[in-house]
Amino acid sequence: EEDTGMYFCAGSLSGTWYQCLPPRERTYNIWGQG
């Protein structure tokens, strides 16, 4: 039940593994509507 929510896909135009993980919102500049 606690998994309930709006799920958003997000992406970056470029990046490296250490920038991607762990994910920070500032890394992601492209967002879906959910």
PDB file of all heavy atoms in Angstrom:
ATOM      1  N   GLU A   1       0.825  -1.205   0.000  1.00  0.00           N
ATOM      2  CA  GLU A   1       0.000   0.000   0.000  1.00  0.00           C
ATOM      3  C   GLU A   1       0.864   1.261   0.000  1.00  0.00           C
ATOM      4  O   GLU A   1       0.499   2.262  -0.632  1.00  0.00           O
ATOM      5  CB  GLU A   1      -0.940   0.017   1.203  1.00  0.00           C
ATOM      6  CG  GLU A   1      -2.094  -0.972   1.084  1.00  0.00           C
ATOM      7  CD  GLU A   1      -3.070  -0.850   2.225  1.00  0.00           C
ATOM      8  OE1 GLU A   1      -2.622  -0.629   3.369  1.00  0.00           O
ATOM      9  OE2 GLU A   1      -4.287  -0.978   1.982  1.00  0.00           O
ATOM     10  N   GLU A   2       1.978   1.226   0.691  1.00  0.00           N
ATOM     11  CA  GLU A   2       2.841   2.393   0.768  1.00  0.00           C
ATOM     12  C   GLU A   2       3.569   2.707  -0.539  1.00  0.00           C
ATOM     13  O   GLU A   2       4.255   3.727  -0.640  1.00  0.00           O
ATOM     14  CB  GLU A   2       3.860   2.254   1.913  1.00  0.00           C
ATOM     15  CG  GLU A   2       4.634   0.952   1.893  1.00  0.00           C
ATOM     16  CD  GLU A   2       4.045  -0.088   2.839  1.00  0.00           C
ATOM     17  OE1 GLU A   2       2.812  -0.257   2.841  1.00  0.00           O
ATOM     18  OE2 GLU A   2       4.819  -0.724   3.578  1.00  0.00           O
ATOM     19  N   ASP A   3       3.429   1.844  -1.534  1.00  0.00           N
ATOM     20  CA  ASP A   3       3.993   2.117  -2.852  1.00  0.00           C
ATOM     21  C   ASP A   3       3.088   3.029  -3.670  1.00  0.00           C
ATOM     22  O   ASP A   3       3.480   3.479  -4.749  1.00  0.00           O
ATOM     23  CB  ASP A   3       4.225   0.811  -3.620  1.00  0.00           C
ATOM     24  CG  ASP A   3       5.297  -0.058  -2.994  1.00  0.00           C
ATOM     25  OD1 ASP A   3       6.323   0.493  -2.532  1.00  0.00           O
ATOM     26  OD2 ASP A   3       5.117  -1.293  -2.975  1.00  0.00           O
ATOM     27  N   THR A   4       1.894   3.281  -3.179  1.00  0.00           N
ATOM     28  CA  THR A   4       0.943   4.141  -3.878  1.00  0.00           C
ATOM     29  C   THR A   4       1.506   5.550  -4.063  1.00  0.00           C
ATOM     30  O   THR A   4       2.086   6.122  -3.151  1.00  0.00           O
ATOM     31  CB  THR A   4      -0.377   4.223  -3.108  1.00  0.00           C
ATOM     32  OG1 THR A   4      -1.017   2.943  -3.123  1.00  0.00           O
ATOM     33  CG2 THR A   4      -1.329   5.240  -3.737  1.00  0.00           C
ATOM     34  N   GLY A   5       1.326   6.099  -5.252  1.00  0.00           N
ATOM     35  CA  GLY A   5       1.781   7.448  -5.514  1.00  0.00           C
ATOM     36  C   GLY A   5       1.887   7.727  -6.994  1.00  0.00           C
ATOM     37  O   GLY A   5       1.609   6.870  -7.835  1.00  0.00           O
ATOM     38  N   MET A   6       2.283   8.937  -7.294  1.00  0.00           N
ATOM     39  CA  MET A   6       2.537   9.324  -8.673  1.00  0.00           C
ATOM     40  C   MET A   6       3.998   9.020  -8.978  1.00  0.00           C
ATOM     41  O   MET A   6       4.896   9.471  -8.258  1.00  0.00           O
ATOM     42  CB  MET A   6       2.237  10.803  -8.880  1.00  0.00           C
ATOM     43  CG  MET A   6       2.370  11.269 -10.322  1.00  0.00           C
ATOM     44  SD  MET A   6       1.064  10.624 -11.405  1.00  0.00           S
ATOM     45  CE  MET A   6      -0.337  11.586 -10.813  1.00  0.00           C
ATOM     46  N   TYR A   7       4.218   8.265 -10.016  1.00  0.00           N
ATOM     47  CA  TYR A   7       5.570   7.880 -10.400  1.00  0.00           C
ATOM     48  C   TYR A   7       6.033   8.703 -11.592  1.00  0.00           C
ATOM     49  O   TYR A   7       5.352   8.775 -12.614  1.00  0.00           O
ATOM     50  CB  TYR A   7       5.623   6.388 -10.728  1.00  0.00           C
ATOM     51  CG  TYR A   7       5.634   5.519  -9.498  1.00  0.00           C
ATOM     52  CD1 TYR A   7       4.511   5.428  -8.681  1.00  0.00           C
ATOM     53  CD2 TYR A   7       6.770   4.798  -9.137  1.00  0.00           C
ATOM     54  CE1 TYR A   7       4.518   4.652  -7.534  1.00  0.00           C
ATOM     55  CE2 TYR A   7       6.791   4.014  -7.999  1.00  0.00           C
ATOM     56  CZ  TYR A   7       5.661   3.945  -7.203  1.00  0.00           C
ATOM     57  OH  TYR A   7       5.673   3.162  -6.067  1.00  0.00           O
ATOM     58  N   PHE A   8       7.190   9.308 -11.437  1.00  0.00           N
ATOM     59  CA  PHE A   8       7.751  10.169 -12.463  1.00  0.00           C
ATOM     60  C   PHE A   8       9.025   9.580 -13.041  1.00  0.00           C
ATOM     61  O   PHE A   8       9.900   9.128 -12.303  1.00  0.00           O
ATOM     62  CB  PHE A   8       8.083  11.556 -11.891  1.00  0.00           C
ATOM     63  CG  PHE A   8       6.899  12.305 -11.368  1.00  0.00           C
ATOM     64  CD1 PHE A   8       6.514  12.192 -10.046  1.00  0.00           C
ATOM     65  CD2 PHE A   8       6.175  13.142 -12.206  1.00  0.00           C
ATOM     66  CE1 PHE A   8       5.423  12.889  -9.552  1.00  0.00           C
ATOM     67  CE2 PHE A   8       5.082  13.844 -11.728  1.00  0.00           C
ATOM     68  CZ  PHE A   8       4.706  13.721 -10.403  1.00  0.00           C
ATOM     69  N   CYS A   9       9.123   9.603 -14.328  1.00  0.00           N
ATOM     70  CA  CYS A   9      10.347   9.245 -15.014  1.00  0.00           C
ATOM     71  C   CYS A   9      11.183  10.505 -15.180  1.00  0.00           C
ATOM     72  O   CYS A   9      10.644  11.578 -15.453  1.00  0.00           O
ATOM     73  CB  CYS A   9      10.018   8.636 -16.380  1.00  0.00           C
ATOM     74  SG  CYS A   9      11.465   8.194 -17.370  1.00  0.00           S
ATOM     75  N   ALA A  10      12.481  10.385 -15.003  1.00  0.00           N
ATOM     76  CA  ALA A  10      13.364  11.528 -15.146  1.00  0.00           C
ATOM     77  C   ALA A  10      14.652  11.115 -15.837  1.00  0.00           C
ATOM     78  O   ALA A  10      15.100   9.973 -15.712  1.00  0.00           O
ATOM     79  CB  ALA A  10      13.679  12.140 -13.776  1.00  0.00           C
ATOM     80  N   GLY A  11      15.244  12.058 -16.547  1.00  0.00           N
ATOM     81  CA  GLY A  11      16.479  11.760 -17.247  1.00  0.00           C
ATOM     82  C   GLY A  11      17.389  12.960 -17.336  1.00  0.00           C
ATOM     83  O   GLY A  11      16.978  14.094 -17.086  1.00  0.00           O
ATOM     84  N   SER A  12      18.626  12.697 -17.681  1.00  0.00           N
ATOM     85  CA  SER A  12      19.603  13.742 -17.915  1.00  0.00           C
ATOM     86  C   SER A  12      20.077  13.638 -19.358  1.00  0.00           C
ATOM     87  O   SER A  12      20.032  12.560 -19.966  1.00  0.00           O
ATOM     88  CB  SER A  12      20.788  13.617 -16.959  1.00  0.00           C
ATOM     89  OG  SER A  12      21.527  12.427 -17.234  1.00  0.00           O
ATOM     90  N   LEU A  13      20.527  14.746 -19.912  1.00  0.00           N
ATOM     91  CA  LEU A  13      21.025  14.732 -21.282  1.00  0.00           C
ATOM     92  C   LEU A  13      22.356  14.008 -21.378  1.00  0.00           C
ATOM     93  O   LEU A  13      22.686  13.437 -22.412  1.00  0.00           O
ATOM     94  CB  LEU A  13      21.155  16.163 -21.815  1.00  0.00           C
ATOM     95  CG  LEU A  13      19.834  16.911 -22.018  1.00  0.00           C
ATOM     96  CD1 LEU A  13      20.110  18.340 -22.464  1.00  0.00           C
ATOM     97  CD2 LEU A  13      18.963  16.193 -23.042  1.00  0.00           C
ATOM     98  N   SER A  14      23.124  14.035 -20.298  1.00  0.00           N
ATOM     99  CA  SER A  14      24.389  13.332 -20.237  1.00  0.00           C
ATOM    100  C   SER A  14      24.719  13.080 -18.776  1.00  0.00           C
ATOM    101  O   SER A  14      24.074  13.623 -17.883  1.00  0.00           O
ATOM    102  CB  SER A  14      25.506  14.130 -20.904  1.00  0.00           C
ATOM    103  OG  SER A  14      25.718  15.355 -20.227  1.00  0.00           O
ATOM    104  N   GLY A  15      25.740  12.253 -18.540  1.00  0.00           N
ATOM    105  CA  GLY A  15      26.121  11.989 -17.167  1.00  0.00           C
ATOM    106  C   GLY A  15      27.118  10.865 -17.052  1.00  0.00           C
ATOM    107  O   GLY A  15      27.438  10.183 -18.027  1.00  0.00           O
ATOM    108  N   THR A  16      27.620  10.687 -15.853  1.00  0.00           N
ATOM    109  CA  THR A  16      28.512   9.591 -15.527  1.00  0.00           C
ATOM    110  C   THR A  16      27.892   8.820 -14.379  1.00  0.00           C
ATOM    111  O   THR A  16      26.996   9.314 -13.695  1.00  0.00           O
ATOM    112  CB  THR A  16      29.901  10.099 -15.129  1.00  0.00           C
ATOM    113  OG1 THR A  16      29.781  10.980 -14.002  1.00  0.00           O
ATOM    114  CG2 THR A  16      30.545  10.874 -16.274  1.00  0.00           C
ATOM    115  N   TRP A  17      28.388   7.630 -14.145  1.00  0.00           N
ATOM    116  CA  TRP A  17      27.770   6.785 -13.136  1.00  0.00           C
ATOM    117  C   TRP A  17      27.745   7.430 -11.758  1.00  0.00           C
ATOM    118  O   TRP A  17      26.780   7.277 -11.007  1.00  0.00           O
ATOM    119  CB  TRP A  17      28.468   5.413 -13.073  1.00  0.00           C
ATOM    120  CG  TRP A  17      29.875   5.461 -12.541  1.00  0.00           C
ATOM    121  CD1 TRP A  17      31.017   5.584 -13.261  1.00  0.00           C
ATOM    122  CD2 TRP A  17      30.262   5.379 -11.163  1.00  0.00           C
ATOM    123  NE1 TRP A  17      32.109   5.585 -12.418  1.00  0.00           N
ATOM    124  CE2 TRP A  17      31.676   5.459 -11.135  1.00  0.00           C
ATOM    125  CE3 TRP A  17      29.560   5.245  -9.968  1.00  0.00           C
ATOM    126  CZ2 TRP A  17      32.404   5.413  -9.949  1.00  0.00           C
ATOM    127  CZ3 TRP A  17      30.271   5.193  -8.775  1.00  0.00           C
ATOM    128  CH2 TRP A  17      31.679   5.276  -8.780  1.00  0.00           C
ATOM    129  N   TYR A  18      28.812   8.154 -11.416  1.00  0.00           N
ATOM    130  CA  TYR A  18      28.861   8.752 -10.084  1.00  0.00           C
ATOM    131  C   TYR A  18      27.949   9.974  -9.967  1.00  0.00           C
ATOM    132  O   TYR A  18      27.651  10.415  -8.860  1.00  0.00           O
ATOM    133  CB  TYR A  18      30.299   9.106  -9.692  1.00  0.00           C
ATOM    134  CG  TYR A  18      31.038  10.012 -10.649  1.00  0.00           C
ATOM    135  CD1 TYR A  18      30.925  11.391 -10.560  1.00  0.00           C
ATOM    136  CD2 TYR A  18      31.869   9.473 -11.635  1.00  0.00           C
ATOM    137  CE1 TYR A  18      31.609  12.220 -11.433  1.00  0.00           C
ATOM    138  CE2 TYR A  18      32.565  10.295 -12.511  1.00  0.00           C
ATOM    139  CZ  TYR A  18      32.428  11.671 -12.406  1.00  0.00           C
ATOM    140  OH  TYR A  18      33.121  12.492 -13.271  1.00  0.00           O
ATOM    141  N   GLN A  19      27.529  10.527 -11.094  1.00  0.00           N
ATOM    142  CA  GLN A  19      26.563  11.614 -11.075  1.00  0.00           C
ATOM    143  C   GLN A  19      25.134  11.068 -11.013  1.00  0.00           C
ATOM    144  O   GLN A  19      24.233  11.730 -10.491  1.00  0.00           O
ATOM    145  CB  GLN A  19      26.719  12.506 -12.308  1.00  0.00           C
ATOM    146  CG  GLN A  19      28.009  13.288 -12.346  1.00  0.00           C
ATOM    147  CD  GLN A  19      28.200  14.044 -13.646  1.00  0.00           C
ATOM    148  OE1 GLN A  19      27.946  13.498 -14.726  1.00  0.00           O
ATOM    149  NE2 GLN A  19      28.648  15.282 -13.558  1.00  0.00           N
ATOM    150  N   CYS A  20      24.947   9.880 -11.548  1.00  0.00           N
ATOM    151  CA  CYS A  20      23.628   9.266 -11.588  1.00  0.00           C
ATOM    152  C   CYS A  20      23.233   8.619 -10.270  1.00  0.00           C
ATOM    153  O   CYS A  20      22.051   8.616  -9.911  1.00  0.00           O
ATOM    154  CB  CYS A  20      23.572   8.192 -12.668  1.00  0.00           C
ATOM    155  SG  CYS A  20      23.866   8.756 -14.351  1.00  0.00           S
ATOM    156  N   LEU A  21      24.214   8.050  -9.599  1.00  0.00           N
ATOM    157  CA  LEU A  21      23.951   7.235  -8.427  1.00  0.00           C
ATOM    158  C   LEU A  21      24.692   7.741  -7.196  1.00  0.00           C
ATOM    159  O   LEU A  21      25.909   7.907  -7.255  1.00  0.00           O
ATOM    160  CB  LEU A  21      24.364   5.786  -8.704  1.00  0.00           C
ATOM    161  CG  LEU A  21      23.911   5.187 -10.038  1.00  0.00           C
ATOM    162  CD1 LEU A  21      24.515   3.819 -10.237  1.00  0.00           C
ATOM    163  CD2 LEU A  21      22.391   5.119 -10.094  1.00  0.00           C
ATOM    164  N   PRO A  22      23.996   7.955  -6.101  1.00  0.00           N
ATOM    165  CA  PRO A  22      22.550   7.919  -5.950  1.00  0.00           C
ATOM    166  C   PRO A  22      21.874   9.092  -6.662  1.00  0.00           C
ATOM    167  O   PRO A  22      22.525  10.120  -6.883  1.00  0.00           O
ATOM    168  CB  PRO A  22      22.335   7.996  -4.438  1.00  0.00           C
ATOM    169  CG  PRO A  22      23.503   8.792  -3.960  1.00  0.00           C
ATOM    170  CD  PRO A  22      24.651   8.339  -4.825  1.00  0.00           C
ATOM    171  N   PRO A  23      20.637   8.943  -7.032  1.00  0.00           N
ATOM    172  CA  PRO A  23      19.969   9.993  -7.819  1.00  0.00           C
ATOM    173  C   PRO A  23      19.691  11.251  -7.002  1.00  0.00           C
ATOM    174  O   PRO A  23      19.239  11.190  -5.863  1.00  0.00           O
ATOM    175  CB  PRO A  23      18.665   9.330  -8.253  1.00  0.00           C
ATOM    176  CG  PRO A  23      18.409   8.292  -7.203  1.00  0.00           C
ATOM    177  CD  PRO A  23      19.764   7.775  -6.831  1.00  0.00           C
ATOM    178  N   ARG A  24      19.986  12.389  -7.609  1.00  0.00           N
ATOM    179  CA  ARG A  24      19.669  13.693  -7.051  1.00  0.00           C
ATOM    180  C   ARG A  24      18.822  14.430  -8.080  1.00  0.00           C
ATOM    181  O   ARG A  24      19.098  14.371  -9.276  1.00  0.00           O
ATOM    182  CB  ARG A  24      20.925  14.495  -6.742  1.00  0.00           C
ATOM    183  CG  ARG A  24      21.849  13.864  -5.713  1.00  0.00           C
ATOM    184  CD  ARG A  24      22.853  14.883  -5.204  1.00  0.00           C
ATOM    185  NE  ARG A  24      23.577  15.519  -6.289  1.00  0.00           N
ATOM    186  CZ  ARG A  24      24.323  16.619  -6.163  1.00  0.00           C
ATOM    187  NH1 ARG A  24      24.421  17.200  -4.974  1.00  0.00           N
ATOM    188  NH2 ARG A  24      24.956  17.119  -7.211  1.00  0.00           N
ATOM    189  N   GLU A  25      17.798  15.118  -7.613  1.00  0.00           N
ATOM    190  CA  GLU A  25      16.888  15.794  -8.535  1.00  0.00           C
ATOM    191  C   GLU A  25      17.608  16.782  -9.449  1.00  0.00           C
ATOM    192  O   GLU A  25      17.223  16.942 -10.607  1.00  0.00           O
ATOM    193  CB  GLU A  25      15.770  16.501  -7.767  1.00  0.00           C
ATOM    194  CG  GLU A  25      14.780  15.531  -7.124  1.00  0.00           C
ATOM    195  CD  GLU A  25      13.546  16.227  -6.606  1.00  0.00           C
ATOM    196  OE1 GLU A  25      13.273  17.367  -7.028  1.00  0.00           O
ATOM    197  OE2 GLU A  25      12.840  15.625  -5.776  1.00  0.00           O
ATOM    198  N   ARG A  26      18.654  17.419  -8.933  1.00  0.00           N
ATOM    199  CA  ARG A  26      19.366  18.421  -9.736  1.00  0.00           C
ATOM    200  C   ARG A  26      20.080  17.809 -10.927  1.00  0.00           C
ATOM    201  O   ARG A  26      20.395  18.506 -11.884  1.00  0.00           O
ATOM    202  CB  ARG A  26      20.362  19.189  -8.864  1.00  0.00           C
ATOM    203  CG  ARG A  26      19.718  20.175  -7.906  1.00  0.00           C
ATOM    204  CD  ARG A  26      20.741  21.074  -7.258  1.00  0.00           C
ATOM    205  NE  ARG A  26      21.647  20.325  -6.398  1.00  0.00           N
ATOM    206  CZ  ARG A  26      22.659  20.866  -5.723  1.00  0.00           C
ATOM    207  NH1 ARG A  26      22.872  22.180  -5.810  1.00  0.00           N
ATOM    208  NH2 ARG A  26      23.440  20.117  -4.972  1.00  0.00           N
ATOM    209  N   THR A  27      20.345  16.518 -10.866  1.00  0.00           N
ATOM    210  CA  THR A  27      20.995  15.826 -11.970  1.00  0.00           C
ATOM    211  C   THR A  27      20.052  15.685 -13.164  1.00  0.00           C
ATOM    212  O   THR A  27      20.488  15.638 -14.312  1.00  0.00           O
ATOM    213  CB  THR A  27      21.463  14.421 -11.530  1.00  0.00           C
ATOM    214  OG1 THR A  27      22.401  14.554 -10.458  1.00  0.00           O
ATOM    215  CG2 THR A  27      22.123  13.672 -12.681  1.00  0.00           C
ATOM    216  N   TYR A  28      18.771  15.649 -12.877  1.00  0.00           N
ATOM    217  CA  TYR A  28      17.774  15.333 -13.880  1.00  0.00           C
ATOM    218  C   TYR A  28      17.064  16.588 -14.383  1.00  0.00           C
ATOM    219  O   TYR A  28      16.399  17.291 -13.622  1.00  0.00           O
ATOM    220  CB  TYR A  28      16.778  14.321 -13.307  1.00  0.00           C
ATOM    221  CG  TYR A  28      17.485  13.042 -12.916  1.00  0.00           C
ATOM    222  CD1 TYR A  28      18.034  12.889 -11.647  1.00  0.00           C
ATOM    223  CD2 TYR A  28      17.654  12.023 -13.840  1.00  0.00           C
ATOM    224  CE1 TYR A  28      18.731  11.735 -11.312  1.00  0.00           C
ATOM    225  CE2 TYR A  28      18.347  10.867 -13.506  1.00  0.00           C
ATOM    226  CZ  TYR A  28      18.886  10.727 -12.244  1.00  0.00           C
ATOM    227  OH  TYR A  28      19.580   9.587 -11.908  1.00  0.00           O
ATOM    228  N   ASN A  29      17.216  16.854 -15.657  1.00  0.00           N
ATOM    229  CA  ASN A  29      16.640  18.053 -16.254  1.00  0.00           C
ATOM    230  C   ASN A  29      15.515  17.775 -17.239  1.00  0.00           C
ATOM    231  O   ASN A  29      14.996  18.692 -17.879  1.00  0.00           O
ATOM    232  CB  ASN A  29      17.723  18.898 -16.935  1.00  0.00           C
ATOM    233  CG  ASN A  29      18.639  18.082 -17.823  1.00  0.00           C
ATOM    234  OD1 ASN A  29      18.280  16.997 -18.291  1.00  0.00           O
ATOM    235  ND2 ASN A  29      19.837  18.596 -18.071  1.00  0.00           N
ATOM    236  N   ILE A  30      15.147  16.514 -17.366  1.00  0.00           N
ATOM    237  CA  ILE A  30      14.024  16.131 -18.208  1.00  0.00           C
ATOM    238  C   ILE A  30      13.081  15.290 -17.367  1.00  0.00           C
ATOM    239  O   ILE A  30      13.496  14.286 -16.788  1.00  0.00           O
ATOM    240  CB  ILE A  30      14.466  15.317 -19.440  1.00  0.00           C
ATOM    241  CG1 ILE A  30      15.583  16.046 -20.193  1.00  0.00           C
ATOM    242  CG2 ILE A  30      13.290  15.064 -20.364  1.00  0.00           C
ATOM    243  CD1 ILE A  30      16.198  15.216 -21.297  1.00  0.00           C
ATOM    244  N   TRP A  31      11.837  15.696 -17.318  1.00  0.00           N
ATOM    245  CA  TRP A  31      10.860  15.012 -16.470  1.00  0.00           C
ATOM    246  C   TRP A  31       9.589  14.671 -17.232  1.00  0.00           C
ATOM    247  O   TRP A  31       9.103  15.459 -18.046  1.00  0.00           O
ATOM    248  CB  TRP A  31      10.482  15.880 -15.272  1.00  0.00           C
ATOM    249  CG  TRP A  31      11.583  16.026 -14.271  1.00  0.00           C
ATOM    250  CD1 TRP A  31      12.678  16.833 -14.361  1.00  0.00           C
ATOM    251  CD2 TRP A  31      11.691  15.331 -13.022  1.00  0.00           C
ATOM    252  NE1 TRP A  31      13.462  16.683 -13.239  1.00  0.00           N
ATOM    253  CE2 TRP A  31      12.880  15.773 -12.405  1.00  0.00           C
ATOM    254  CE3 TRP A  31      10.892  14.387 -12.370  1.00  0.00           C
ATOM    255  CZ2 TRP A  31      13.296  15.297 -11.156  1.00  0.00           C
ATOM    256  CZ3 TRP A  31      11.304  13.914 -11.131  1.00  0.00           C
ATOM    257  CH2 TRP A  31      12.494  14.375 -10.540  1.00  0.00           C
ATOM    258  N   GLY A  32       9.062  13.497 -16.952  1.00  0.00           N
ATOM    259  CA  GLY A  32       7.775  13.120 -17.499  1.00  0.00           C
ATOM    260  C   GLY A  32       6.671  13.710 -16.655  1.00  0.00           C
ATOM    261  O   GLY A  32       6.914  14.281 -15.591  1.00  0.00           O
ATOM    262  N   GLN A  33       5.438  13.563 -17.102  1.00  0.00           N
ATOM    263  CA  GLN A  33       4.306  14.125 -16.384  1.00  0.00           C
ATOM    264  C   GLN A  33       3.771  13.202 -15.292  1.00  0.00           C
ATOM    265  O   GLN A  33       2.935  13.615 -14.493  1.00  0.00           O
ATOM    266  CB  GLN A  33       3.186  14.489 -17.361  1.00  0.00           C
ATOM    267  CG  GLN A  33       3.567  15.615 -18.307  1.00  0.00           C
ATOM    268  CD  GLN A  33       2.391  16.120 -19.113  1.00  0.00           C
ATOM    269  OE1 GLN A  33       1.238  16.025 -18.686  1.00  0.00           O
ATOM    270  NE2 GLN A  33       2.684  16.668 -20.283  1.00  0.00           N
ATOM    271  N   GLY A  34       4.245  11.977 -15.260  1.00  0.00           N
ATOM    272  CA  GLY A  34       3.874  11.059 -14.205  1.00  0.00           C
ATOM    273  C   GLY A  34       2.792  10.076 -14.586  1.00  0.00           C
ATOM    274  O   GLY A  34       1.979  10.320 -15.481  1.00  0.00           O
TER     275      GLY A  34
END
